[in-house]
């Protein structure tokens, strides 16, 4: 596993822990769909949350949330729609978690990031 893969797995694990500490239940990790992979599938009360995790060890390539391009958001929404239809989910949304590791670990949770696509 290379550095980016290791960092990505660490970020997903850190995001899952963060969500659990905030009352979310993790349902699935790395859920595969024909439209791409969903990093985390979580539940909060009666809603399913599809979470994209972006982790950066430095800002050389910008903030982690800057990797959420319009194209990435469209793929994320399509993957979530597919997963929701396959699992008969009525209430769902797409969130993103951005994690920076330097100079200290910082986690930012962006909710409903694809709402403008509906």
Protein backbone atom coordinates (compact mmCIF):
# COMPACT_ATOMS: atom_id res chain seq x y z
CA UNK A 1 0.00 0.00 0.00
CA UNK A 2 1.46 3.39 -0.95
CA UNK A 3 1.47 6.58 1.15
CA UNK A 4 -1.73 7.99 -0.40
CA UNK A 5 -3.62 4.73 0.11
CA UNK A 6 -2.44 4.49 3.72
CA UNK A 7 -3.40 8.11 4.35
CA UNK A 8 -6.80 7.55 2.71
CA UNK A 9 -7.55 4.48 4.84
CA UNK A 10 -6.47 6.35 7.98
CA UNK A 11 -8.73 9.26 6.97
CA UNK A 12 -11.73 6.99 6.44
CA UNK A 13 -11.17 5.34 9.82
CA UNK A 14 -10.79 8.74 11.51
CA UNK A 15 -13.95 10.03 9.80
CA UNK A 16 -15.91 6.94 10.90
CA UNK A 17 -14.77 7.46 14.49
CA UNK A 18 -15.70 11.17 14.29
CA UNK A 19 -19.19 10.31 13.01
CA UNK A 20 -19.72 7.69 15.71
CA UNK A 21 -18.73 10.21 18.37
CA UNK A 22 -21.43 12.49 16.94
CA UNK A 23 -24.22 9.90 17.11
CA UNK A 24 -23.96 8.31 13.66
CA UNK A 25 -24.00 4.56 13.14
CA UNK A 26 -21.63 3.27 10.46
CA UNK A 27 -23.52 0.86 8.19
CA UNK A 28 -20.91 0.10 5.53
CA UNK A 29 -17.45 1.17 4.41
CA UNK A 30 -16.19 1.31 0.83
CA UNK A 31 -19.57 0.46 -0.70
CA UNK A 32 -19.11 -0.23 -4.40
CA UNK A 33 -21.63 0.90 -7.02
CA UNK A 34 -21.45 1.11 -10.82
CA UNK A 35 -20.90 4.87 -10.35
CA UNK A 36 -18.01 4.63 -7.95
CA UNK A 37 -17.19 3.81 -4.36
CA UNK A 38 -18.89 5.39 -1.36
CA UNK A 39 -16.36 5.79 1.45
CA UNK A 40 -18.82 5.55 4.35
CA UNK A 41 -22.51 4.79 4.62
CA UNK A 42 -23.91 5.94 7.95
CA UNK A 43 -27.27 6.42 9.68
CA UNK A 44 -28.43 9.27 11.83
CA UNK A 45 -31.92 8.72 13.15
CA UNK A 46 -34.08 7.90 10.09
CA UNK A 47 -31.68 9.23 7.47
CA UNK A 48 -28.89 7.51 5.56
CA UNK A 49 -25.77 9.60 5.03
CA UNK A 50 -23.31 8.85 2.22
CA UNK A 51 -19.92 10.26 3.12
CA UNK A 52 -16.96 11.13 0.91
CA UNK A 53 -13.72 11.48 2.89
CA UNK A 54 -10.86 13.67 1.68
CA UNK A 55 -7.59 13.60 3.63
CA UNK A 56 -4.48 15.70 3.13
CA UNK A 57 -1.16 15.61 4.95
CA UNK A 58 -0.26 19.11 3.73
CA UNK A 59 -1.68 21.91 1.61
CA UNK A 60 0.62 21.47 -1.37
CA UNK A 61 -2.40 20.39 -3.44
CA UNK A 62 -4.87 22.66 -1.60
CA UNK A 63 -7.43 22.01 1.09
CA UNK A 64 -8.97 18.54 1.15
CA UNK A 65 -12.44 19.88 0.35
CA UNK A 66 -11.10 21.46 -2.84
CA UNK A 67 -10.90 17.93 -4.26
CA UNK A 68 -14.72 17.86 -4.31
CA UNK A 69 -14.98 19.00 -7.90
CA UNK A 70 -18.34 19.31 -9.69
CA UNK A 71 -17.54 16.06 -11.52
CA UNK A 72 -16.74 14.27 -8.24
CA UNK A 73 -19.97 15.55 -6.68
CA UNK A 74 -22.01 14.26 -9.66
CA UNK A 75 -20.40 10.82 -9.36
CA UNK A 76 -21.00 10.85 -5.62
CA UNK A 77 -24.68 11.73 -6.10
CA UNK A 78 -25.14 9.04 -8.78
CA UNK A 79 -23.49 6.42 -6.55
CA UNK A 80 -25.72 7.44 -3.63
CA UNK A 81 -28.88 7.34 -5.80
CA UNK A 82 -27.97 3.86 -7.00
CA UNK A 83 -27.23 2.59 -3.48
CA UNK A 84 -30.46 4.16 -2.15
CA UNK A 85 -32.57 2.56 -4.87
CA UNK A 86 -30.94 -0.86 -4.32
CA UNK A 87 -31.62 -0.64 -0.56
CA UNK A 88 -35.07 1.02 -0.73
CA UNK A 89 -33.92 4.13 1.13
CA UNK A 90 -36.23 7.13 1.10
CA UNK A 91 -34.33 9.66 3.19
CA UNK A 92 -30.68 10.21 2.39
CA UNK A 93 -28.07 12.86 1.75
CA UNK A 94 -24.43 13.16 0.73
CA UNK A 95 -21.90 14.64 3.15
CA UNK A 96 -18.16 15.17 2.94
CA UNK A 97 -15.53 15.07 5.64
CA UNK A 98 -12.26 16.92 5.08
CA UNK A 99 -9.28 15.96 7.23
CA UNK A 100 -5.93 17.72 7.46
CA UNK A 101 -3.11 16.09 9.42
CA UNK A 102 -0.69 19.03 9.64
CA UNK A 103 0.10 21.01 11.73
CA UNK A 104 -2.50 19.14 13.80
CA UNK A 105 -5.42 16.91 12.90
CA UNK A 106 -8.38 19.03 11.82
CA UNK A 107 -11.74 17.55 10.78
CA UNK A 108 -14.44 19.51 9.00
CA UNK A 109 -17.87 18.04 8.21
CA UNK A 110 -19.77 19.43 5.21
CA UNK A 111 -23.41 18.38 5.12
CA UNK A 112 -25.67 17.82 2.12
CA UNK A 113 -22.96 18.64 -0.43
CA UNK A 114 -24.95 17.48 -3.46
CA UNK A 115 -28.26 19.17 -2.66
CA UNK A 116 -27.80 21.59 -5.57
CA UNK A 117 -27.82 18.62 -7.98
CA UNK A 118 -31.37 17.54 -7.17
